[in-house]
Amino acid sequence: DKNRHLIEIFKLANEDESIFNFLSFGPYKNIEDFSNWIDSQEHQGNRITFAVFSKRLNKYVGNISITFIEENYRNAEIGCVWYEKSAQRTEVNRESVFLLLKYLFDEMNYIRVQWRCDIENIPSKNAAEKMGFSYEGTFRNYAIFKGKVRHTSFFSIISSEWVEVKNKIIMTELSSTQNIWFRYTLFFLSLVITLLAHPLHADMPDAQKSLTRTYQISAGY
């Protein structure tokens, strides 16, 4: 039920328009505009959008999506990522991306997950590299967003790299005093990931929501 999170997430989106500087969507004129965008994502059929709730901040902080799902080729993209200021450059994105990567590689046996961003979006490029994505190259004049010609940088993790990437992420989280509870989250990852079972539209049961320290992800809105 998207209405469960719609108002809270819209307020975040409406507070800081700079969040959408490098995105093809947003900012939103009103909640109806935002609701229509959510509907458009659901109707495309090859993506799913999630609300992200930070338990540390005790509030919804943004959204993240699995996009361009290609089941035949076992490829997907993690994208449409945005957070309010207080959640940017924190553990929220690292742990959100980690769970989606773990689901795609360990549960769905995907062979490639990509990340792409505007060549000028330095924070996004840094986030990709810190998560273990490898830079593949830049497509020049790849798209036109909001009247601007965009050069797009592509990053990816492939299945043969995933175990090493996963272990590095885990060790980074375990060594951080800010993320001390991450070690307990690891025991429950297999349960938490069941929220993403195909067709990627199931809500996470309340009992499973309590197992993750960083956020609660709910399919759709």
Protein backbone atom coordinates (compact mmCIF):
# COMPACT_ATOMS: atom_id res chain seq x y z
CA ASP A 1 0.00 0.00 0.00
CA LYS A 2 1.91 3.04 -1.23
CA ASN A 3 -0.21 5.43 0.85
CA ARG A 4 1.44 4.05 3.96
CA HIS A 5 4.67 5.92 3.20
CA LEU A 6 3.64 8.40 0.54
CA ILE A 7 3.16 11.51 2.68
CA GLU A 8 6.35 11.07 4.71
CA ILE A 9 8.52 10.41 1.66
CA PHE A 10 6.95 13.29 -0.27
CA LYS A 11 7.79 15.69 2.56
CA LEU A 12 11.43 14.65 2.30
CA ALA A 13 11.41 15.06 -1.48
CA ASN A 14 9.81 18.49 -1.15
CA GLU A 15 12.25 19.81 1.46
CA ASP A 16 15.39 19.85 -0.69
CA GLU A 17 15.09 20.04 -4.46
CA SER A 18 18.85 19.65 -4.87
CA ILE A 19 18.40 15.94 -4.13
CA PHE A 20 17.17 15.54 -7.71
CA ASN A 21 19.86 17.53 -9.51
CA PHE A 22 21.30 14.43 -11.18
CA LEU A 23 18.10 12.37 -11.46
CA SER A 24 15.72 12.14 -14.40
CA PHE A 25 12.72 12.61 -12.10
CA GLY A 26 11.71 15.15 -9.46
CA PRO A 27 11.37 17.54 -7.81
CA TYR A 28 7.62 17.17 -7.40
CA LYS A 29 5.11 20.00 -7.51
CA ASN A 30 2.63 18.26 -5.20
CA ILE A 31 1.85 14.90 -3.66
CA GLU A 32 -0.30 13.90 -6.65
CA ASP A 33 2.72 14.43 -8.91
CA PHE A 34 4.82 12.25 -6.62
CA SER A 35 2.12 9.58 -6.42
CA ASN A 36 1.92 9.45 -10.22
CA TRP A 37 5.67 8.87 -10.41
CA ILE A 38 5.41 5.94 -7.99
CA ASP A 39 2.59 4.49 -10.09
CA SER A 40 4.67 4.84 -13.24
CA GLN A 41 7.50 2.87 -11.64
CA GLU A 42 5.19 0.05 -10.63
CA HIS A 43 3.61 -0.17 -14.07
CA GLN A 44 6.89 -0.51 -15.97
CA GLY A 45 7.21 -4.09 -14.79
CA ASN A 46 11.01 -4.28 -14.70
CA ARG A 47 11.63 -2.36 -11.49
CA ILE A 48 10.52 -2.02 -7.92
CA THR A 49 10.82 1.03 -5.66
CA PHE A 50 11.43 0.82 -1.91
CA ALA A 51 10.97 3.24 0.96
CA VAL A 52 14.01 3.32 3.25
CA PHE A 53 13.53 3.78 6.98
CA SER A 54 16.53 4.53 9.21
CA LYS A 55 16.21 3.03 12.65
CA ARG A 56 19.10 5.16 13.90
CA LEU A 57 17.32 8.34 12.80
CA ASN A 58 13.89 6.80 13.51
CA LYS A 59 12.30 8.07 10.32
CA TYR A 60 11.96 7.50 6.59
CA VAL A 61 14.94 8.95 4.78
CA GLY A 62 14.45 8.31 1.05
CA ASN A 63 14.13 5.54 -1.48
CA ILE A 64 16.13 3.01 -3.47
CA SER A 65 15.15 0.82 -6.41
CA ILE A 66 16.04 -2.30 -8.30
CA THR A 67 15.68 -1.22 -11.92
CA PHE A 68 16.18 -2.61 -15.43
CA ILE A 69 15.56 -6.16 -14.23
CA GLU A 70 16.46 -8.60 -17.01
CA GLU A 71 15.56 -12.05 -15.75
CA ASN A 72 16.67 -13.86 -18.89
CA TYR A 73 20.16 -12.39 -18.65
CA ARG A 74 20.19 -12.28 -14.83
CA ASN A 75 21.13 -8.61 -14.86
CA ALA A 76 19.75 -5.69 -12.87
CA GLU A 77 20.60 -2.19 -11.76
CA ILE A 78 20.45 -0.49 -8.38
CA GLY A 79 19.28 3.03 -9.02
CA CYS A 80 16.79 5.84 -8.39
CA VAL A 81 18.60 6.32 -5.09
CA TRP A 82 18.04 9.44 -3.04
CA TYR A 83 18.16 10.32 0.65
CA GLU A 84 17.57 13.39 2.74
CA LYS A 85 20.64 15.27 3.97
CA SER A 86 20.88 13.58 7.38
CA ALA A 87 21.12 10.14 5.76
CA GLN A 88 23.54 11.01 2.97
CA ARG A 89 27.09 9.61 3.23
CA THR A 90 26.10 7.43 6.19
CA GLU A 91 25.61 3.72 6.78
CA VAL A 92 22.07 3.93 5.37
CA ASN A 93 23.10 3.65 1.72
CA ARG A 94 25.86 1.10 2.35
CA GLU A 95 23.60 -1.29 4.19
CA SER A 96 20.62 -0.75 1.87
CA VAL A 97 22.73 -1.45 -1.21
CA PHE A 98 24.36 -4.41 0.54
CA LEU A 99 21.05 -6.16 1.17
CA LEU A 100 19.91 -5.64 -2.41
CA LEU A 101 23.22 -6.94 -3.73
CA LYS A 102 23.03 -9.96 -1.45
CA TYR A 103 19.54 -10.71 -2.65
CA LEU A 104 20.39 -10.38 -6.33
CA PHE A 105 23.60 -12.43 -6.19
CA ASP A 106 22.95 -14.94 -3.41
CA GLU A 107 19.22 -15.52 -3.74
CA MET A 108 18.51 -14.83 -7.42
CA ASN A 109 21.90 -15.93 -8.78
CA TYR A 110 22.24 -12.85 -10.96
CA ILE A 111 25.53 -12.49 -12.81
CA ARG A 112 25.76 -8.69 -13.06
CA VAL A 113 24.47 -5.71 -11.10
CA GLN A 114 25.17 -2.25 -12.44
CA TRP A 115 25.24 1.28 -11.07
CA ARG A 116 25.25 4.36 -13.30
CA CYS A 117 25.33 8.07 -12.71
CA ASP A 118 25.97 11.43 -14.31
CA ILE A 119 29.68 11.94 -14.93
CA GLU A 120 29.48 15.08 -12.76
CA ASN A 121 27.81 13.29 -9.84
CA ILE A 122 30.96 12.77 -7.78
CA PRO A 123 29.17 11.58 -4.56
CA SER A 124 27.40 8.83 -6.52
CA LYS A 125 30.61 7.75 -8.23
CA ASN A 126 32.40 7.63 -4.87
CA ALA A 127 29.55 5.61 -3.34
CA ALA A 128 29.73 3.06 -6.15
CA GLU A 129 33.46 2.57 -5.77
CA LYS A 130 33.25 2.30 -1.97
CA MET A 131 30.64 -0.44 -2.38
CA GLY A 132 32.98 -2.40 -4.64
CA PHE A 133 31.54 -1.53 -8.04
CA SER A 134 34.15 -1.40 -10.82
CA TYR A 135 34.21 1.50 -13.24
CA GLU A 136 33.47 0.30 -16.78
CA GLY A 137 33.49 3.50 -18.78
CA THR A 138 31.46 6.55 -19.73
CA PHE A 139 28.82 6.75 -22.46
CA ARG A 140 28.98 10.23 -23.96
CA ASN A 141 25.71 12.02 -24.76
CA TYR A 142 23.89 9.06 -23.23
CA ALA A 143 20.69 10.91 -22.38
CA ILE A 144 19.01 14.28 -22.02
CA PHE A 145 17.61 14.97 -18.56
CA LYS A 146 15.85 18.22 -17.76
CA GLY A 147 17.20 19.88 -20.87
CA LYS A 148 20.82 18.89 -20.23
CA VAL A 149 22.88 16.47 -22.33
CA ARG A 150 24.21 13.86 -19.96
CA HIS A 151 27.39 11.78 -20.07
CA THR A 152 26.78 8.66 -17.99
CA SER A 153 29.40 6.65 -16.07
CA PHE A 154 28.78 2.92 -15.67
CA PHE A 155 29.93 0.70 -12.82
CA SER A 156 29.23 -2.96 -12.11
CA ILE A 157 29.80 -5.94 -9.86
CA ILE A 158 29.79 -9.36 -11.53
CA SER A 159 29.12 -12.70 -9.89
CA SER A 160 32.77 -13.81 -9.85
CA GLU A 161 33.65 -10.72 -7.80
CA TRP A 162 30.74 -10.84 -5.40
CA VAL A 163 32.22 -13.00 -2.60
CA GLU A 164 35.27 -10.75 -2.30
CA VAL A 165 33.14 -7.60 -2.46
CA LYS A 166 30.72 -8.98 0.12
CA ASN A 167 33.49 -9.89 2.56
CA LYS A 168 35.05 -6.43 2.27
CA ILE A 169 31.71 -4.78 2.99
CA ILE A 170 31.15 -6.98 6.02
CA MET A 171 34.60 -6.32 7.43
CA THR A 172 34.19 -2.57 6.88
CA GLU A 173 30.88 -2.59 8.73
CA LEU A 174 32.18 -4.74 11.58
CA SER A 175 35.18 -2.46 12.11
CA SER A 176 33.00 0.64 12.40
CA THR A 177 31.90 1.65 15.89
CA GLN A 178 28.90 3.38 14.31
CA ASN A 179 27.77 0.06 12.86
CA ILE A 180 28.35 -2.23 15.83
CA TRP A 181 24.88 -3.73 15.44
CA PHE A 182 25.64 -4.80 11.89
CA ARG A 183 27.09 -8.06 13.19
CA TYR A 184 23.66 -8.99 14.56
CA THR A 185 21.95 -7.99 11.34
CA LEU A 186 24.11 -10.49 9.45
CA PHE A 187 22.52 -13.43 11.25
CA PHE A 188 19.12 -12.44 9.92
CA LEU A 189 19.91 -11.44 6.35
CA SER A 190 18.42 -14.59 4.87
CA LEU A 191 15.14 -13.80 6.61
CA VAL A 192 15.12 -10.13 5.77
CA ILE A 193 15.73 -10.79 2.10
CA THR A 194 12.51 -12.79 1.81
CA LEU A 195 10.71 -9.47 1.35
CA LEU A 196 12.20 -9.40 -2.13
CA ALA A 197 10.90 -12.79 -3.25
CA HIS A 198 9.56 -12.65 -6.77
CA PRO A 199 7.52 -10.91 -8.05
CA LEU A 200 9.14 -8.32 -5.76
CA HIS A 201 5.85 -6.97 -4.48
CA ALA A 202 5.49 -8.62 -1.05
CA ASP A 203 5.48 -6.49 2.10
CA MET A 204 7.95 -7.32 4.84
CA PRO A 205 6.22 -8.85 7.89
CA ASP A 206 6.50 -6.83 11.09
CA ALA A 207 8.56 -9.57 12.74
CA GLN A 208 11.18 -9.31 10.01
CA LYS A 209 11.23 -5.52 10.15
CA SER A 210 12.50 -5.68 13.72
CA LEU A 211 15.57 -7.67 12.67
CA THR A 212 17.36 -4.92 10.77
CA ARG A 213 19.06 -2.12 12.63
CA THR A 214 19.41 0.36 9.82
CA TYR A 215 16.17 0.45 7.94
CA GLN A 216 12.91 -1.12 7.03
CA ILE A 217 12.40 -1.55 3.30
CA SER A 218 8.82 -1.98 2.13
CA ALA A 219 8.03 -2.99 -1.41
CA GLY A 220 6.25 -0.29 -3.35
CA TYR A 221 4.99 2.54 -1.18
